[in-house]
Amino acid sequence: MGFLKNKEDIQQKIKSLRKSSPTVTELVQGILNGDTAALGRGITLVESTNSSHLENANTIIESCLPKSKNSIRIGITGVPGVGKSTFIEAFGKLLTDKGKKVAVLAVDPSSTISKGSILGDKTRMQELIRNPKAFIRPSPSGKSLGGVARKTRESIILCEAAGYDVILIETVGVGQSETAVHSMVDFFLLLKLAGAGDELQGIKRGVIEMADIIVINKADGENIKQAKIAKTEFERALHLYPPKENGWIPKVLTCSALNATGTDEIWEIIDTYIAENKKNDYFTIKRNQQNMYWLEQTLDDRLKNQFYQSKKVRSLLDTMTQNVLEHKVSPFRAAEELLKSYWNANQ
């Protein structure tokens, strides 16, 4: 009888949990009220790959959209080891001390193996994690950068609707993840190191073209002199690039995230940048451009997924792949045949 009683208790507990699961309307209301539990649940729905969750996720996003226009979205990138997590904690604390509510999100499709992402460093942000004005959410691990980036962008909407004034989006700092983050933020911050050849590497990389500010981190102790030299190197390098579309010339600053020095000046520059861009309407223009970009990206992703999920395509793909490898047909001809198969199946 004891076993049966335990079994009944378990079943009752399951029923109770099911009943306590909030409806979409309740989730939306909780998010708009700034409830972090509701925000977390909402983001989990948005991140879900379960097709049955898609409609609820879309409803939540659309309900939050009207309330998601007043934040500042800041992208933060830099190679692993540059001190992103320490910088985010110091910068986040500065902002919360100024009365801002701060959300921290991440874009990292390889998060389970990366040592440079928020997923690995979240435990180091002990002070920010405990701060009631801060919300930290790692990205889901996954193989598709586009998928993870899209989910992060949708999470931004929910965080803004929950009343967060500043959204910090961190990228692992390699390859396309920087471009993905740049396409969803108002301001792009590049963290660099001095004395490790990083300044020269930074001049070579295309990411410098995306940066609105370059911050030489770890400018403390014996590194202060090297940080100043790196600052001069970057300032010279920036003269080789034309001004940005909005006329902005990127700034170069030094800071010590460990000692929380220089962060105030960084915020002042960001604040000035946002104010200028709102005044000349570039702020709105850029966000509209980003919305169109993500519309096109989503269409590309959906069409690609539908193509590969087609039964006719799947049955023909192996044959065409083998034919290409055996030089029986060109890759272009194989692609045409696969597309014809897809179109015929969907007419």
Protein backbone atom coordinates (compact mmCIF):
# COMPACT_ATOMS: atom_id res chain seq x y z
CA MET A 1 0.00 0.00 0.00
CA GLY A 2 2.92 2.30 0.73
CA PHE A 3 4.13 1.91 -2.85
CA LEU A 4 0.69 2.72 -4.24
CA LYS A 5 0.44 5.76 -2.01
CA ASN A 6 3.81 7.01 -3.26
CA LYS A 7 2.76 6.39 -6.85
CA GLU A 8 -0.48 8.29 -6.29
CA ASP A 9 1.47 11.13 -4.69
CA ILE A 10 3.74 11.31 -7.73
CA GLN A 11 0.80 11.34 -10.14
CA GLN A 12 -0.88 14.04 -8.07
CA LYS A 13 2.32 16.06 -8.06
CA ILE A 14 2.55 15.78 -11.87
CA LYS A 15 -1.06 16.96 -12.22
CA SER A 16 -0.36 19.84 -9.86
CA LEU A 17 2.70 20.91 -11.86
CA ARG A 18 0.73 20.79 -15.09
CA LYS A 19 -2.01 22.94 -13.60
CA SER A 20 0.55 25.42 -12.27
CA SER A 21 2.15 25.91 -15.71
CA PRO A 22 1.23 29.46 -16.74
CA THR A 23 -0.77 30.12 -19.88
CA VAL A 24 0.68 32.24 -22.69
CA THR A 25 -1.42 35.21 -21.49
CA GLU A 26 -0.09 34.78 -17.94
CA LEU A 27 3.48 34.52 -19.23
CA VAL A 28 3.11 37.72 -21.26
CA GLN A 29 1.63 39.55 -18.29
CA GLY A 30 4.43 38.30 -16.04
CA ILE A 31 7.07 39.46 -18.53
CA LEU A 32 5.48 42.89 -18.82
CA ASN A 33 5.42 43.10 -15.01
CA GLY A 34 9.17 42.40 -14.90
CA ASP A 35 8.82 38.92 -13.39
CA THR A 36 12.18 37.18 -14.06
CA ALA A 37 10.63 33.71 -13.68
CA ALA A 38 8.10 34.50 -16.41
CA LEU A 39 10.88 36.03 -18.53
CA GLY A 40 12.96 32.87 -18.14
CA ARG A 41 10.02 30.65 -19.09
CA GLY A 42 9.23 32.87 -22.07
CA ILE A 43 12.80 32.69 -23.36
CA THR A 44 12.77 28.91 -22.90
CA LEU A 45 9.69 28.74 -25.12
CA VAL A 46 11.33 30.97 -27.72
CA GLU A 47 14.47 28.81 -27.68
CA SER A 48 12.53 25.56 -28.01
CA THR A 49 13.00 23.55 -31.20
CA ASN A 50 9.70 21.75 -30.59
CA SER A 51 7.36 22.72 -33.44
CA SER A 52 4.36 22.61 -31.07
CA HIS A 53 5.88 25.53 -29.11
CA LEU A 54 6.32 27.75 -32.18
CA GLU A 55 2.85 29.30 -32.14
CA ASN A 56 3.01 30.12 -28.41
CA ALA A 57 6.51 31.59 -28.86
CA ASN A 58 5.31 33.78 -31.73
CA THR A 59 2.34 34.97 -29.67
CA ILE A 60 4.63 35.94 -26.79
CA ILE A 61 7.05 37.79 -29.10
CA GLU A 62 4.25 39.68 -30.87
CA SER A 63 2.67 40.63 -27.55
CA CYS A 64 6.02 41.97 -26.31
CA LEU A 65 6.97 43.84 -29.49
CA PRO A 66 5.06 47.08 -28.72
CA LYS A 67 6.97 47.37 -25.42
CA SER A 68 10.43 46.68 -26.85
CA LYS A 69 11.63 49.99 -28.25
CA ASN A 70 13.19 51.89 -25.38
CA SER A 71 16.33 49.93 -24.57
CA ILE A 72 19.93 50.27 -25.72
CA ARG A 73 21.39 47.12 -27.28
CA ILE A 74 25.15 46.81 -26.89
CA GLY A 75 27.22 44.08 -28.55
CA ILE A 76 30.43 43.02 -26.79
CA THR A 77 33.05 40.90 -28.51
CA GLY A 78 36.66 39.89 -28.08
CA VAL A 79 38.81 36.77 -28.27
CA PRO A 80 38.63 34.23 -25.42
CA GLY A 81 40.82 35.44 -22.57
CA VAL A 82 40.32 39.13 -23.26
CA GLY A 83 38.25 39.43 -20.08
CA LYS A 84 34.70 39.68 -21.42
CA SER A 85 33.00 38.20 -18.36
CA THR A 86 34.98 40.43 -15.98
CA PHE A 87 34.23 43.45 -18.15
CA ILE A 88 30.51 42.61 -18.37
CA GLU A 89 30.30 42.30 -14.59
CA ALA A 90 32.11 45.61 -13.98
CA PHE A 91 30.15 47.41 -16.71
CA GLY A 92 26.86 45.86 -15.59
CA LYS A 93 27.48 46.95 -12.01
CA LEU A 94 28.23 50.51 -13.18
CA LEU A 95 24.93 50.61 -15.07
CA THR A 96 22.86 49.17 -12.21
CA ASP A 97 24.48 51.70 -9.85
CA LYS A 98 23.16 54.36 -12.24
CA GLY A 99 19.65 52.92 -11.82
CA LYS A 100 19.59 50.93 -15.07
CA LYS A 101 18.15 47.44 -15.40
CA VAL A 102 20.62 45.25 -17.32
CA ALA A 103 20.11 41.99 -19.22
CA VAL A 104 23.03 39.91 -20.45
CA LEU A 105 22.55 37.48 -23.36
CA ALA A 106 25.01 35.39 -25.34
CA VAL A 107 25.48 34.27 -28.93
CA ASP A 108 27.57 31.09 -29.07
CA PRO A 109 26.54 28.08 -31.17
CA SER A 110 29.43 25.98 -29.81
CA SER A 111 28.83 26.81 -26.16
CA THR A 112 29.23 23.24 -24.88
CA ILE A 113 32.89 23.16 -25.92
CA SER A 114 33.79 26.86 -25.78
CA LYS A 115 35.73 28.24 -22.86
CA GLY A 116 35.20 31.88 -23.81
CA SER A 117 31.46 32.25 -23.53
CA ILE A 118 29.04 33.29 -20.84
CA LEU A 119 28.14 29.64 -20.33
CA GLY A 120 31.63 29.00 -19.03
CA ASP A 121 32.11 32.32 -17.27
CA LYS A 122 28.69 32.93 -15.74
CA THR A 123 29.89 31.58 -12.41
CA ARG A 124 32.50 34.36 -12.35
CA MET A 125 29.84 37.08 -12.44
CA GLN A 126 28.88 36.41 -8.83
CA GLU A 127 28.04 40.02 -7.99
CA LEU A 128 25.97 40.63 -11.11
CA ILE A 129 24.09 37.34 -10.76
CA ARG A 130 22.91 38.39 -7.29
CA ASN A 131 21.97 41.88 -8.44
CA PRO A 132 18.15 42.27 -8.56
CA LYS A 133 18.52 44.77 -11.42
CA ALA A 134 20.41 42.28 -13.61
CA PHE A 135 19.29 39.26 -15.63
CA ILE A 136 21.83 36.85 -17.14
CA ARG A 137 20.80 34.28 -19.73
CA PRO A 138 23.24 32.01 -21.59
CA SER A 139 22.45 31.03 -25.17
CA PRO A 140 21.37 27.47 -25.96
CA SER A 141 24.07 25.29 -27.41
CA GLY A 142 23.59 24.33 -31.02
CA LYS A 143 25.29 23.73 -34.33
CA SER A 144 23.53 26.49 -36.25
CA LEU A 145 24.82 30.02 -35.67
CA GLY A 146 21.79 31.42 -37.48
CA GLY A 147 19.41 29.54 -35.21
CA VAL A 148 21.14 30.56 -31.98
CA ALA A 149 21.49 34.17 -33.14
CA ARG A 150 17.83 34.35 -34.13
CA LYS A 151 16.74 33.02 -30.73
CA THR A 152 18.98 35.58 -29.03
CA ARG A 153 17.43 38.38 -31.07
CA GLU A 154 13.95 37.22 -30.07
CA SER A 155 15.09 37.02 -26.44
CA ILE A 156 16.12 40.69 -26.69
CA ILE A 157 12.49 41.60 -27.42
CA LEU A 158 11.30 39.78 -24.29
CA CYS A 159 14.00 41.38 -22.10
CA GLU A 160 13.09 44.86 -23.36
CA ALA A 161 9.39 44.22 -22.70
CA ALA A 162 10.34 43.17 -19.15
CA GLY A 163 11.75 46.65 -18.60
CA TYR A 164 15.50 46.15 -19.06
CA ASP A 165 17.10 49.44 -20.10
CA VAL A 166 20.37 48.04 -21.42
CA ILE A 167 20.80 44.69 -23.17
CA LEU A 168 24.38 43.40 -23.36
CA ILE A 169 24.85 40.77 -26.07
CA GLU A 170 28.10 38.86 -25.79
CA THR A 171 29.66 36.87 -28.60
CA VAL A 172 32.29 34.19 -28.22
CA GLY A 173 34.40 36.39 -30.50
CA VAL A 174 35.20 34.14 -33.41
CA GLY A 175 34.12 34.22 -37.04
CA GLN A 176 30.53 34.89 -38.03
CA SER A 177 29.22 35.27 -34.48
CA GLU A 178 30.56 38.84 -34.47
CA THR A 179 28.63 39.67 -37.66
CA ALA A 180 25.48 38.12 -36.19
CA VAL A 181 25.72 40.23 -33.03
CA HIS A 182 26.51 43.37 -35.03
CA SER A 183 23.24 42.85 -36.92
CA MET A 184 21.14 43.06 -33.74
CA VAL A 185 22.70 45.87 -31.68
CA ASP A 186 22.75 49.67 -31.58
CA PHE A 187 26.38 49.89 -30.47
CA PHE A 188 29.26 47.47 -31.01
CA LEU A 189 32.12 47.28 -28.50
CA LEU A 190 35.36 45.48 -29.30
CA LEU A 191 37.56 44.38 -26.39
CA LYS A 192 41.28 43.97 -27.10
CA LEU A 193 44.42 43.08 -25.18
CA ALA A 194 47.75 44.88 -25.19
CA GLY A 195 51.16 43.28 -25.27
CA ALA A 196 50.08 40.00 -26.85
CA GLY A 197 50.26 40.98 -30.50
CA ASP A 198 46.53 41.54 -30.30
CA GLU A 199 46.72 45.14 -31.46
CA LEU A 200 48.30 44.13 -34.77
CA GLN A 201 45.85 41.27 -35.20
CA GLY A 202 43.00 43.68 -34.57
CA ILE A 203 44.18 46.00 -37.32
CA LYS A 204 44.15 43.09 -39.78
CA ARG A 205 40.71 41.76 -38.90
CA GLY A 206 37.51 43.01 -40.49
CA VAL A 207 35.83 43.24 -37.08
CA ILE A 208 37.50 46.64 -36.59
CA GLU A 209 35.19 47.97 -39.31
CA MET A 210 32.18 46.98 -37.21
CA ALA A 211 33.42 48.45 -33.93
CA ASP A 212 31.98 51.73 -32.63
CA ILE A 213 34.51 51.70 -29.81
CA ILE A 214 37.69 49.74 -29.17
CA VAL A 215 38.50 49.14 -25.52
CA ILE A 216 41.97 47.99 -24.48
CA ASN A 217 41.22 45.86 -21.42
CA LYS A 218 43.50 44.86 -18.55
CA ALA A 219 45.13 48.30 -18.49
CA ASP A 220 46.43 47.86 -14.96
CA GLY A 221 49.73 47.26 -13.19
CA GLU A 222 52.60 46.66 -15.59
CA ASN A 223 50.18 46.59 -18.56
CA ILE A 224 49.32 50.30 -18.36
CA LYS A 225 52.23 51.37 -20.56
CA GLN A 226 51.51 48.67 -23.16
CA ALA A 227 47.82 49.57 -23.14
CA LYS A 228 48.65 53.19 -23.97
CA ILE A 229 50.88 52.05 -26.84
CA ALA A 230 48.09 49.78 -28.14
CA LYS A 231 45.63 52.68 -27.89
CA THR A 232 47.88 54.81 -30.11
CA GLU A 233 48.29 51.94 -32.60
CA PHE A 234 44.53 51.54 -32.94
CA GLU A 235 43.92 55.28 -33.24
CA ARG A 236 46.39 55.38 -36.13
CA ALA A 237 44.78 52.34 -37.75
CA LEU A 238 41.30 53.88 -37.54
CA HIS A 239 42.46 56.79 -39.70
CA LEU A 240 42.79 54.29 -42.55
CA TYR A 241 39.06 53.58 -42.45
CA PRO A 242 36.38 55.96 -43.76
CA PRO A 243 33.81 57.34 -41.27
CA LYS A 244 30.79 55.16 -40.69
CA GLU A 245 27.48 55.64 -42.48
CA ASN A 246 26.26 57.89 -39.67
CA GLY A 247 29.49 59.91 -39.66
CA TRP A 248 30.71 58.38 -36.39
CA ILE A 249 34.45 57.94 -35.94
CA PRO A 250 35.19 55.01 -33.59
CA LYS A 251 36.88 55.88 -30.30
CA VAL A 252 39.68 54.01 -28.52
CA LEU A 253 39.81 53.79 -24.72
CA THR A 254 41.70 51.81 -22.10
CA CYS A 255 40.13 50.23 -19.05
CA SER A 256 40.71 47.77 -16.27
CA ALA A 257 37.62 45.63 -15.78
CA LEU A 258 39.34 44.04 -12.78
CA ASN A 259 39.69 47.42 -11.04
CA ALA A 260 36.52 48.85 -12.64
CA THR A 261 38.42 51.85 -14.02
CA GLY A 262 37.53 53.40 -17.36
CA THR A 263 34.02 51.93 -17.50
CA ASP A 264 32.38 55.28 -16.72
CA GLU A 265 34.06 56.90 -19.74
CA ILE A 266 32.92 54.00 -21.93
CA TRP A 267 29.30 54.53 -20.88
CA GLU A 268 29.58 58.29 -21.52
CA ILE A 269 30.69 57.61 -25.11
CA ILE A 270 27.88 55.09 -25.65
CA ASP A 271 25.35 57.51 -24.19
CA THR A 272 26.62 60.30 -26.50
CA TYR A 273 26.55 57.98 -29.51
CA ILE A 274 22.93 56.91 -28.86
CA ALA A 275 21.80 60.50 -28.27
CA GLU A 276 23.39 61.67 -31.55
CA ASN A 277 21.90 58.78 -33.51
CA LYS A 278 18.43 59.38 -32.12
CA LYS A 279 18.72 63.07 -32.99
CA ASN A 280 19.62 62.41 -36.63
CA ASP A 281 17.17 59.45 -36.93
CA TYR A 282 19.98 56.96 -37.69
CA PHE A 283 18.97 54.98 -34.59
CA THR A 284 15.55 54.21 -36.11
CA ILE A 285 16.96 53.73 -39.62
CA LYS A 286 19.48 51.17 -38.37
CA ARG A 287 16.88 49.21 -36.40
CA ASN A 288 14.61 49.13 -39.45
CA GLN A 289 17.50 47.84 -41.56
CA GLN A 290 18.17 45.17 -38.96
CA ASN A 291 14.51 44.12 -38.96
CA MET A 292 14.61 43.69 -42.73
CA TYR A 293 17.86 41.73 -42.45
CA TRP A 294 16.32 39.33 -39.95
CA LEU A 295 13.19 38.96 -42.08
CA GLU A 296 15.40 37.84 -44.98
CA GLN A 297 17.50 35.61 -42.73
CA THR A 298 14.41 33.90 -41.31
CA LEU A 299 13.00 33.31 -44.79
CA ASP A 300 16.33 31.82 -45.89
CA ASP A 301 16.45 29.54 -42.84
CA ARG A 302 12.84 28.37 -43.18
CA LEU A 303 13.13 27.70 -46.92
CA LYS A 304 16.37 25.78 -46.41
CA ASN A 305 14.86 23.69 -43.60
CA GLN A 306 11.74 22.90 -45.65
CA PHE A 307 13.89 21.94 -48.62
CA TYR A 308 15.94 19.40 -46.66
CA GLN A 309 12.88 18.05 -44.84
CA SER A 310 11.18 17.19 -48.14
CA LYS A 311 10.87 13.41 -48.55
CA LYS A 312 11.54 13.61 -52.29
CA VAL A 313 14.67 15.69 -51.72
CA ARG A 314 15.97 13.32 -49.06
CA SER A 315 15.40 10.27 -51.28
CA LEU A 316 17.23 11.90 -54.19
CA LEU A 317 20.01 13.65 -52.28
CA ASP A 318 22.19 10.59 -51.65
CA THR A 319 21.99 9.57 -55.31
CA MET A 320 22.88 13.04 -56.55
CA THR A 321 25.71 13.36 -54.05
CA GLN A 322 27.19 10.06 -55.21
CA ASN A 323 26.81 11.08 -58.86
CA VAL A 324 28.69 14.32 -58.18
CA LEU A 325 31.48 12.45 -56.38
CA GLU A 326 31.76 9.99 -59.29
CA HIS A 327 31.82 12.88 -61.80
CA LYS A 328 28.69 11.59 -63.51
CA VAL A 329 26.95 14.93 -63.10
CA SER A 330 28.07 18.46 -62.25
CA PRO A 331 27.21 20.00 -58.86
CA PHE A 332 25.14 22.63 -60.69
CA ARG A 333 23.11 20.04 -62.57
CA ALA A 334 22.58 18.06 -59.36
CA ALA A 335 21.32 21.20 -57.60
CA GLU A 336 18.87 21.85 -60.47
CA GLU A 337 17.50 18.31 -60.25
CA LEU A 338 17.06 18.54 -56.48
CA LEU A 339 15.28 21.89 -56.78
CA LYS A 340 13.00 20.51 -59.50
CA SER A 341 12.16 17.58 -57.24
CA TYR A 342 11.30 19.98 -54.39
CA TRP A 343 9.18 22.26 -56.59
CA ASN A 344 7.26 19.34 -58.14
CA ALA A 345 6.53 17.95 -54.68
CA ASN A 346 5.12 21.30 -53.52
CA GLN A 347 2.98 22.24 -56.53
